[in-house]
PDB file of all heavy atoms in Angstrom:
ATOM      1  N   ASP A   1      96.220  93.378  90.551  1.00  0.00           N
ATOM      2  CA  ASP A   1      95.843  94.659  91.174  1.00  0.00           C
ATOM      3  C   ASP A   1      95.256  94.441  92.572  1.00  0.00           C
ATOM      4  O   ASP A   1      95.553  95.184  93.508  1.00  0.00           O
ATOM      5  CB  ASP A   1      94.835  95.403  90.299  1.00  0.00           C
ATOM      6  CG  ASP A   1      95.446  95.925  89.002  1.00  0.00           C
ATOM      7  OD1 ASP A   1      96.692  95.989  88.920  1.00  0.00           O
ATOM      8  OD2 ASP A   1      94.675  96.241  88.078  1.00  0.00           O
ATOM      9  N   VAL A   2      94.415  93.411  92.694  1.00  0.00           N
ATOM     10  CA  VAL A   2      93.787  93.119  93.994  1.00  0.00           C
ATOM     11  C   VAL A   2      94.839  92.675  95.007  1.00  0.00           C
ATOM     12  O   VAL A   2      94.808  93.078  96.177  1.00  0.00           O
ATOM     13  CB  VAL A   2      92.685  92.044  93.820  1.00  0.00           C
ATOM     14  CG1 VAL A   2      92.184  91.573  95.189  1.00  0.00           C
ATOM     15  CG2 VAL A   2      91.531  92.580  93.002  1.00  0.00           C
ATOM     16  N   PHE A   3      95.793  91.846  94.564  1.00  0.00           N
ATOM     17  CA  PHE A   3      96.860  91.379  95.472  1.00  0.00           C
ATOM     18  C   PHE A   3      97.714  92.554  95.946  1.00  0.00           C
ATOM     19  O   PHE A   3      98.032  92.656  97.139  1.00  0.00           O
ATOM     20  CB  PHE A   3      97.715  90.332  94.760  1.00  0.00           C
ATOM     21  CG  PHE A   3      98.708  89.627  95.647  1.00  0.00           C
ATOM     22  CD1 PHE A   3      98.294  88.914  96.761  1.00  0.00           C
ATOM     23  CD2 PHE A   3     100.060  89.658  95.357  1.00  0.00           C
ATOM     24  CE1 PHE A   3      99.197  88.249  97.580  1.00  0.00           C
ATOM     25  CE2 PHE A   3     100.994  88.999  96.163  1.00  0.00           C
ATOM     26  CZ  PHE A   3     100.550  88.297  97.276  1.00  0.00           C
ATOM     27  N   VAL A   4      98.062  93.460  95.035  1.00  0.00           N
ATOM     28  CA  VAL A   4      98.821  94.659  95.413  1.00  0.00           C
ATOM     29  C   VAL A   4      98.037  95.477  96.441  1.00  0.00           C
ATOM     30  O   VAL A   4      98.594  95.910  97.458  1.00  0.00           O
ATOM     31  CB  VAL A   4      99.123  95.525  94.165  1.00  0.00           C
ATOM     32  CG1 VAL A   4      99.658  96.895  94.584  1.00  0.00           C
ATOM     33  CG2 VAL A   4     100.127  94.829  93.258  1.00  0.00           C
ATOM     34  N   SER A   5      96.752  95.664  96.196  1.00  0.00           N
ATOM     35  CA  SER A   5      95.915  96.445  97.114  1.00  0.00           C
ATOM     36  C   SER A   5      95.844  95.806  98.498  1.00  0.00           C
ATOM     37  O   SER A   5      95.988  96.486  99.525  1.00  0.00           O
ATOM     38  CB  SER A   5      94.508  96.574  96.524  1.00  0.00           C
ATOM     39  OG  SER A   5      93.633  97.182  97.440  1.00  0.00           O
ATOM     40  N   GLU A   6      95.647  94.494  98.539  1.00  0.00           N
ATOM     41  CA  GLU A   6      95.552  93.792  99.825  1.00  0.00           C
ATOM     42  C   GLU A   6      96.885  93.826 100.576  1.00  0.00           C
ATOM     43  O   GLU A   6      96.914  93.962 101.800  1.00  0.00           O
ATOM     44  CB  GLU A   6      95.110  92.342  99.610  1.00  0.00           C
ATOM     45  CG  GLU A   6      93.668  92.184  99.173  1.00  0.00           C
ATOM     46  CD  GLU A   6      92.677  92.549 100.252  1.00  0.00           C
ATOM     47  OE1 GLU A   6      92.456  91.738 101.173  1.00  0.00           O
ATOM     48  OE2 GLU A   6      92.118  93.662 100.182  1.00  0.00           O
ATOM     49  N   MET A   7      98.003  93.710  99.835  1.00  0.00           N
ATOM     50  CA  MET A   7      99.316  93.803 100.473  1.00  0.00           C
ATOM     51  C   MET A   7      99.522  95.185 101.094  1.00  0.00           C
ATOM     52  O   MET A   7      99.973  95.306 102.233  1.00  0.00           O
ATOM     53  CB  MET A   7     100.429  93.524  99.457  1.00  0.00           C
ATOM     54  CG  MET A   7     100.595  92.067  99.075  1.00  0.00           C
ATOM     55  SD  MET A   7     101.993  91.821  97.954  1.00  0.00           S
ATOM     56  CE  MET A   7     103.365  92.098  99.065  1.00  0.00           C
ATOM     57  N   ASN A   8      99.192  96.212 100.337  1.00  0.00           N
ATOM     58  CA  ASN A   8      99.381  97.578 100.843  1.00  0.00           C
ATOM     59  C   ASN A   8      98.512  97.845 102.070  1.00  0.00           C
ATOM     60  O   ASN A   8      98.961  98.465 103.038  1.00  0.00           O
ATOM     61  CB  ASN A   8      99.068  98.593  99.737  1.00  0.00           C
ATOM     62  CG  ASN A   8     100.167  98.668  98.700  1.00  0.00           C
ATOM     63  OD1 ASN A   8     101.333  98.406  99.002  1.00  0.00           O
ATOM     64  ND2 ASN A   8      99.813  99.001  97.468  1.00  0.00           N
ATOM     65  N   LYS A   9      97.280  97.368 102.034  1.00  0.00           N
ATOM     66  CA  LYS A   9      96.403  97.541 103.199  1.00  0.00           C
ATOM     67  C   LYS A   9      96.966  96.791 104.401  1.00  0.00           C
ATOM     68  O   LYS A   9      96.988  97.317 105.519  1.00  0.00           O
ATOM     69  CB  LYS A   9      94.996  97.043 102.875  1.00  0.00           C
ATOM     70  CG  LYS A   9      94.222  97.954 101.932  1.00  0.00           C
ATOM     71  CD  LYS A   9      92.877  97.338 101.568  1.00  0.00           C
ATOM     72  CE  LYS A   9      92.121  98.226 100.583  1.00  0.00           C
ATOM     73  NZ  LYS A   9      90.868  97.580 100.136  1.00  0.00           N
ATOM     74  N   GLY A  10      97.414  95.560 104.175  1.00  0.00           N
ATOM     75  CA  GLY A  10      97.951  94.758 105.276  1.00  0.00           C
ATOM     76  C   GLY A  10      99.196  95.362 105.884  1.00  0.00           C
ATOM     77  O   GLY A  10      99.352  95.390 107.110  1.00  0.00           O
ATOM     78  N   ILE A  11     100.106  95.875 105.039  1.00  0.00           N
ATOM     79  CA  ILE A  11     101.364  96.431 105.540  1.00  0.00           C
ATOM     80  C   ILE A  11     101.120  97.725 106.308  1.00  0.00           C
ATOM     81  O   ILE A  11     101.894  98.097 107.190  1.00  0.00           O
ATOM     82  CB  ILE A  11     102.366  96.659 104.371  1.00  0.00           C
ATOM     83  CG1 ILE A  11     103.821  96.533 104.861  1.00  0.00           C
ATOM     84  CG2 ILE A  11     102.153  97.977 103.684  1.00  0.00           C
ATOM     85  CD1 ILE A  11     104.336  95.151 104.976  1.00  0.00           C
ATOM     86  N   HIS A  12     100.005  98.417 105.978  1.00  0.00           N
ATOM     87  CA  HIS A  12      99.658  99.657 106.684  1.00  0.00           C
ATOM     88  C   HIS A  12      98.609  99.418 107.774  1.00  0.00           C
ATOM     89  O   HIS A  12      97.983 100.363 108.249  1.00  0.00           O
ATOM     90  CB  HIS A  12      99.157 100.706 105.690  1.00  0.00           C
ATOM     91  CG  HIS A  12     100.209 101.167 104.729  1.00  0.00           C
ATOM     92  ND1 HIS A  12     101.421 101.668 105.129  1.00  0.00           N
ATOM     93  CD2 HIS A  12     100.241 101.165 103.368  1.00  0.00           C
ATOM     94  CE1 HIS A  12     102.154 101.972 104.070  1.00  0.00           C
ATOM     95  NE2 HIS A  12     101.466 101.671 102.997  1.00  0.00           N
ATOM     96  N   GLN A  13      98.422  98.154 108.130  1.00  0.00           N
ATOM     97  CA  GLN A  13      97.540  97.754 109.226  1.00  0.00           C
ATOM     98  C   GLN A  13      96.090  98.176 109.011  1.00  0.00           C
ATOM     99  O   GLN A  13      95.361  98.492 109.954  1.00  0.00           O
ATOM    100  CB  GLN A  13      98.071  98.285 110.571  1.00  0.00           C
ATOM    101  CG  GLN A  13      99.429  97.690 110.948  1.00  0.00           C
ATOM    102  CD  GLN A  13      99.826  98.032 112.377  1.00  0.00           C
ATOM    103  OE1 GLN A  13     100.341  99.100 112.631  1.00  0.00           O
ATOM    104  NE2 GLN A  13      99.562  97.120 113.290  1.00  0.00           N
ATOM    105  N   GLN A  14      95.689  98.179 107.752  1.00  0.00           N
ATOM    106  CA  GLN A  14      94.281  98.395 107.427  1.00  0.00           C
ATOM    107  C   GLN A  14      93.621  97.043 107.196  1.00  0.00           C
ATOM    108  O   GLN A  14      94.293  96.028 107.081  1.00  0.00           O
ATOM    109  CB  GLN A  14      94.168  99.270 106.171  1.00  0.00           C
ATOM    110  CG  GLN A  14      94.775 100.654 106.322  1.00  0.00           C
ATOM    111  CD  GLN A  14      94.953 101.359 104.995  1.00  0.00           C
ATOM    112  OE1 GLN A  14      94.496 100.885 103.957  1.00  0.00           O
ATOM    113  NE2 GLN A  14      95.630 102.503 105.014  1.00  0.00           N
ATOM    114  N   SER A  15      92.299  97.034 107.130  1.00  0.00           N
ATOM    115  CA  SER A  15      91.566  95.782 106.951  1.00  0.00           C
ATOM    116  C   SER A  15      91.953  95.118 105.635  1.00  0.00           C
ATOM    117  O   SER A  15      91.862  95.720 104.566  1.00  0.00           O
ATOM    118  CB  SER A  15      90.064  96.060 106.969  1.00  0.00           C
ATOM    119  OG  SER A  15      89.340  94.864 106.777  1.00  0.00           O
ATOM    120  N   SER A  16      92.406  93.859 105.719  1.00  0.00           N
ATOM    121  CA  SER A  16      92.897  93.133 104.544  1.00  0.00           C
ATOM    122  C   SER A  16      92.790  91.641 104.804  1.00  0.00           C
ATOM    123  O   SER A  16      92.810  91.194 105.952  1.00  0.00           O
ATOM    124  CB  SER A  16      94.367  93.506 104.270  1.00  0.00           C
ATOM    125  OG  SER A  16      94.936  92.668 103.281  1.00  0.00           O
ATOM    126  N   SER A  17      92.699  90.865 103.708  1.00  0.00           N
ATOM    127  CA  SER A  17      92.718  89.405 103.869  1.00  0.00           C
ATOM    128  C   SER A  17      94.139  88.887 104.028  1.00  0.00           C
ATOM    129  O   SER A  17      94.336  87.701 104.303  1.00  0.00           O
ATOM    130  CB  SER A  17      92.048  88.732 102.662  1.00  0.00           C
ATOM    131  OG  SER A  17      92.724  89.056 101.452  1.00  0.00           O
ATOM    132  N   LEU A  18      95.142  89.757 103.861  1.00  0.00           N
ATOM    133  CA  LEU A  18      96.539  89.380 104.031  1.00  0.00           C
ATOM    134  C   LEU A  18      97.070  89.908 105.353  1.00  0.00           C
ATOM    135  O   LEU A  18      97.015  91.118 105.613  1.00  0.00           O
ATOM    136  CB  LEU A  18      97.385  89.922 102.871  1.00  0.00           C
ATOM    137  CG  LEU A  18      97.010  89.399 101.481  1.00  0.00           C
ATOM    138  CD1 LEU A  18      97.856  90.072 100.413  1.00  0.00           C
ATOM    139  CD2 LEU A  18      97.157  87.889 101.402  1.00  0.00           C
ATOM    140  N   GLN A  19      97.587  89.001 106.175  1.00  0.00           N
ATOM    141  CA  GLN A  19      98.052  89.373 107.517  1.00  0.00           C
ATOM    142  C   GLN A  19      99.324  90.209 107.468  1.00  0.00           C
ATOM    143  O   GLN A  19      99.538  91.069 108.312  1.00  0.00           O
ATOM    144  CB  GLN A  19      98.293  88.093 108.332  1.00  0.00           C
ATOM    145  CG  GLN A  19      98.422  88.301 109.825  1.00  0.00           C
ATOM    146  CD  GLN A  19      98.426  86.965 110.560  1.00  0.00           C
ATOM    147  OE1 GLN A  19      97.686  86.039 110.195  1.00  0.00           O
ATOM    148  NE2 GLN A  19      99.253  86.844 111.586  1.00  0.00           N
ATOM    149  N   MET A  20     100.206  89.959 106.488  1.00  0.00           N
ATOM    150  CA  MET A  20     101.456  90.711 106.307  1.00  0.00           C
ATOM    151  C   MET A  20     102.202  90.824 107.637  1.00  0.00           C
ATOM    152  O   MET A  20     102.545  91.907 108.113  1.00  0.00           O
ATOM    153  CB  MET A  20     101.168  92.097 105.724  1.00  0.00           C
ATOM    154  CG  MET A  20     100.453  92.064 104.383  1.00  0.00           C
ATOM    155  SD  MET A  20     101.422  91.320 103.055  1.00  0.00           S
ATOM    156  CE  MET A  20     102.575  92.635 102.716  1.00  0.00           C
ATOM    157  N   GLU A  21     102.458  89.663 108.243  1.00  0.00           N
ATOM    158  CA  GLU A  21     103.025  89.610 109.593  1.00  0.00           C
ATOM    159  C   GLU A  21     104.515  89.961 109.589  1.00  0.00           C
ATOM    160  O   GLU A  21     105.298  89.425 108.802  1.00  0.00           O
ATOM    161  CB  GLU A  21     102.830  88.199 110.160  1.00  0.00           C
ATOM    162  CG  GLU A  21     103.145  88.050 111.625  1.00  0.00           C
ATOM    163  CD  GLU A  21     102.128  88.744 112.519  1.00  0.00           C
ATOM    164  OE1 GLU A  21     100.940  88.782 112.190  1.00  0.00           O
ATOM    165  OE2 GLU A  21     102.567  89.248 113.569  1.00  0.00           O
ATOM    166  N   ASN A  22     104.900  90.859 110.473  1.00  0.00           N
ATOM    167  CA  ASN A  22     106.311  91.200 110.665  1.00  0.00           C
ATOM    168  C   ASN A  22     106.986  90.055 111.411  1.00  0.00           C
ATOM    169  O   ASN A  22     106.596  89.714 112.532  1.00  0.00           O
ATOM    170  CB  ASN A  22     106.415  92.498 111.465  1.00  0.00           C
ATOM    171  CG  ASN A  22     107.841  92.999 111.595  1.00  0.00           C
ATOM    172  OD1 ASN A  22     108.794  92.320 111.243  1.00  0.00           O
ATOM    173  ND2 ASN A  22     107.998  94.200 112.125  1.00  0.00           N
ATOM    174  N   THR A  23     108.009  89.454 110.812  1.00  0.00           N
ATOM    175  CA  THR A  23     108.730  88.360 111.476  1.00  0.00           C
ATOM    176  C   THR A  23     109.838  88.874 112.394  1.00  0.00           C
ATOM    177  O   THR A  23     110.411  88.100 113.163  1.00  0.00           O
ATOM    178  CB  THR A  23     109.389  87.419 110.444  1.00  0.00           C
ATOM    179  OG1 THR A  23     110.430  88.137 109.762  1.00  0.00           O
ATOM    180  CG2 THR A  23     108.376  86.899 109.433  1.00  0.00           C
ATOM    181  N   TYR A  24     110.177  90.161 112.249  1.00  0.00           N
ATOM    182  CA  TYR A  24     111.267  90.793 113.015  1.00  0.00           C
ATOM    183  C   TYR A  24     112.631  90.186 112.683  1.00  0.00           C
ATOM    184  O   TYR A  24     113.564  90.276 113.468  1.00  0.00           O
ATOM    185  CB  TYR A  24     110.996  90.749 114.525  1.00  0.00           C
ATOM    186  CG  TYR A  24     109.779  91.553 114.912  1.00  0.00           C
ATOM    187  CD1 TYR A  24     108.520  90.957 114.992  1.00  0.00           C
ATOM    188  CD2 TYR A  24     109.877  92.917 115.171  1.00  0.00           C
ATOM    189  CE1 TYR A  24     107.395  91.698 115.334  1.00  0.00           C
ATOM    190  CE2 TYR A  24     108.756  93.671 115.501  1.00  0.00           C
ATOM    191  CZ  TYR A  24     107.514  93.052 115.579  1.00  0.00           C
ATOM    192  OH  TYR A  24     106.404  93.793 115.907  1.00  0.00           O
ATOM    193  N   ILE A  25     112.731  89.563 111.514  1.00  0.00           N
ATOM    194  CA  ILE A  25     114.044  89.097 111.028  1.00  0.00           C
ATOM    195  C   ILE A  25     114.524  90.136 110.015  1.00  0.00           C
ATOM    196  O   ILE A  25     114.053  90.150 108.875  1.00  0.00           O
ATOM    197  CB  ILE A  25     113.950  87.702 110.382  1.00  0.00           C
ATOM    198  CG1 ILE A  25     113.411  86.686 111.403  1.00  0.00           C
ATOM    199  CG2 ILE A  25     115.311  87.256 109.862  1.00  0.00           C
ATOM    200  CD1 ILE A  25     113.098  85.329 110.822  1.00  0.00           C
ATOM    201  N   PRO A  26     115.450  91.029 110.422  1.00  0.00           N
ATOM    202  CA  PRO A  26     115.785  92.181 109.594  1.00  0.00           C
ATOM    203  C   PRO A  26     116.922  91.950 108.606  1.00  0.00           C
ATOM    204  O   PRO A  26     117.262  92.859 107.855  1.00  0.00           O
ATOM    205  CB  PRO A  26     116.184  93.231 110.630  1.00  0.00           C
ATOM    206  CG  PRO A  26     116.815  92.420 111.716  1.00  0.00           C
ATOM    207  CD  PRO A  26     116.097  91.088 111.737  1.00  0.00           C
ATOM    208  N   GLU A  27     117.499  90.777 108.623  1.00  0.00           N
ATOM    209  CA  GLU A  27     118.596  90.504 107.696  1.00  0.00           C
ATOM    210  C   GLU A  27     118.836  89.006 107.645  1.00  0.00           C
ATOM    211  O   GLU A  27     118.322  88.246 108.475  1.00  0.00           O
ATOM    212  CB  GLU A  27     119.872  91.224 108.146  1.00  0.00           C
ATOM    213  CG  GLU A  27     120.288  90.914 109.565  1.00  0.00           C
ATOM    214  CD  GLU A  27     121.336  91.886 110.097  1.00  0.00           C
ATOM    215  OE1 GLU A  27     121.051  93.087 110.234  1.00  0.00           O
ATOM    216  OE2 GLU A  27     122.445  91.402 110.365  1.00  0.00           O
ATOM    217  N   LEU A  28     119.607  88.583 106.655  1.00  0.00           N
ATOM    218  CA  LEU A  28     119.926  87.171 106.509  1.00  0.00           C
ATOM    219  C   LEU A  28     121.325  86.907 107.059  1.00  0.00           C
ATOM    220  O   LEU A  28     121.944  87.784 107.659  1.00  0.00           O
ATOM    221  CB  LEU A  28     119.810  86.788 105.038  1.00  0.00           C
ATOM    222  CG  LEU A  28     118.417  87.052 104.431  1.00  0.00           C
ATOM    223  CD1 LEU A  28     118.404  86.748 102.943  1.00  0.00           C
ATOM    224  CD2 LEU A  28     117.346  86.251 105.150  1.00  0.00           C
ATOM    225  N   LEU A  29     121.818  85.696 106.895  1.00  0.00           N
ATOM    226  CA  LEU A  29     123.141  85.375 107.415  1.00  0.00           C
ATOM    227  C   LEU A  29     124.208  86.184 106.681  1.00  0.00           C
ATOM    228  O   LEU A  29     124.105  86.429 105.476  1.00  0.00           O
ATOM    229  CB  LEU A  29     123.419  83.879 107.264  1.00  0.00           C
ATOM    230  CG  LEU A  29     122.529  83.009 108.177  1.00  0.00           C
ATOM    231  CD1 LEU A  29     121.497  82.274 107.361  1.00  0.00           C
ATOM    232  CD2 LEU A  29     123.358  82.048 108.988  1.00  0.00           C
ATOM    233  N   ASP A  30     125.244  86.600 107.414  1.00  0.00           N
ATOM    234  CA  ASP A  30     126.297  87.417 106.797  1.00  0.00           C
ATOM    235  C   ASP A  30     127.638  86.694 106.689  1.00  0.00           C
ATOM    236  O   ASP A  30     128.639  87.270 106.266  1.00  0.00           O
ATOM    237  CB  ASP A  30     126.467  88.739 107.539  1.00  0.00           C
ATOM    238  CG  ASP A  30     126.992  88.564 108.966  1.00  0.00           C
ATOM    239  OD1 ASP A  30     127.317  87.417 109.352  1.00  0.00           O
ATOM    240  OD2 ASP A  30     127.060  89.574 109.690  1.00  0.00           O
ATOM    241  N   GLY A  31     127.676  85.411 107.079  1.00  0.00           N
ATOM    242  CA  GLY A  31     128.903  84.638 106.969  1.00  0.00           C
ATOM    243  C   GLY A  31     129.761  84.638 108.219  1.00  0.00           C
ATOM    244  O   GLY A  31     130.773  83.946 108.285  1.00  0.00           O
ATOM    245  N   SER A  32     129.334  85.407 109.228  1.00  0.00           N
ATOM    246  CA  SER A  32     130.124  85.466 110.462  1.00  0.00           C
ATOM    247  C   SER A  32     129.646  84.467 111.516  1.00  0.00           C
ATOM    248  O   SER A  32     130.291  84.310 112.552  1.00  0.00           O
ATOM    249  CB  SER A  32     130.060  86.879 111.051  1.00  0.00           C
ATOM    250  OG  SER A  32     128.741  87.168 111.506  1.00  0.00           O
ATOM    251  N   GLU A  33     128.529  83.799 111.254  1.00  0.00           N
ATOM    252  CA  GLU A  33     127.921  82.932 112.263  1.00  0.00           C
ATOM    253  C   GLU A  33     128.762  81.670 112.486  1.00  0.00           C
ATOM    254  O   GLU A  33     129.131  80.983 111.533  1.00  0.00           O
ATOM    255  CB  GLU A  33     126.498  82.535 111.831  1.00  0.00           C
ATOM    256  CG  GLU A  33     125.533  83.707 111.706  1.00  0.00           C
ATOM    257  CD  GLU A  33     125.657  84.437 110.374  1.00  0.00           C
ATOM    258  OE1 GLU A  33     126.387  83.938 109.475  1.00  0.00           O
ATOM    259  OE2 GLU A  33     125.024  85.489 110.219  1.00  0.00           O
ATOM    260  N   GLU A  34     129.046  81.401 113.745  1.00  0.00           N
ATOM    261  CA  GLU A  34     129.850  80.232 114.127  1.00  0.00           C
ATOM    262  C   GLU A  34     129.175  79.522 115.299  1.00  0.00           C
ATOM    263  O   GLU A  34     128.455  80.135 116.083  1.00  0.00           O
ATOM    264  CB  GLU A  34     131.258  80.670 114.569  1.00  0.00           C
ATOM    265  CG  GLU A  34     132.037  81.488 113.559  1.00  0.00           C
ATOM    266  CD  GLU A  34     132.750  80.623 112.524  1.00  0.00           C
ATOM    267  OE1 GLU A  34     132.963  79.427 112.801  1.00  0.00           O
ATOM    268  OE2 GLU A  34     133.075  81.151 111.446  1.00  0.00           O
ATOM    269  N   GLY A  35     129.413  78.215 115.408  1.00  0.00           N
ATOM    270  CA  GLY A  35     128.999  77.506 116.617  1.00  0.00           C
ATOM    271  C   GLY A  35     127.787  76.613 116.443  1.00  0.00           C
ATOM    272  O   GLY A  35     127.389  76.270 115.330  1.00  0.00           O
ATOM    273  N   LEU A  36     127.205  76.246 117.587  1.00  0.00           N
ATOM    274  CA  LEU A  36     126.120  75.275 117.642  1.00  0.00           C
ATOM    275  C   LEU A  36     124.777  75.965 117.873  1.00  0.00           C
ATOM    276  O   LEU A  36     124.657  76.834 118.749  1.00  0.00           O
ATOM    277  CB  LEU A  36     126.379  74.273 118.769  1.00  0.00           C
ATOM    278  CG  LEU A  36     127.670  73.452 118.662  1.00  0.00           C
ATOM    279  CD1 LEU A  36     127.911  72.671 119.954  1.00  0.00           C
ATOM    280  CD2 LEU A  36     127.610  72.499 117.467  1.00  0.00           C
TER     281      LEU A  36
END
């Protein structure tokens, strides 16, 4: 319950011990990636 509460506070930018940092990676590989 405490972990859920801290996650919700962090994701809504309220005071929390969890940073819940946005990495700005909105998707994973889709199989089209080519090259170096």
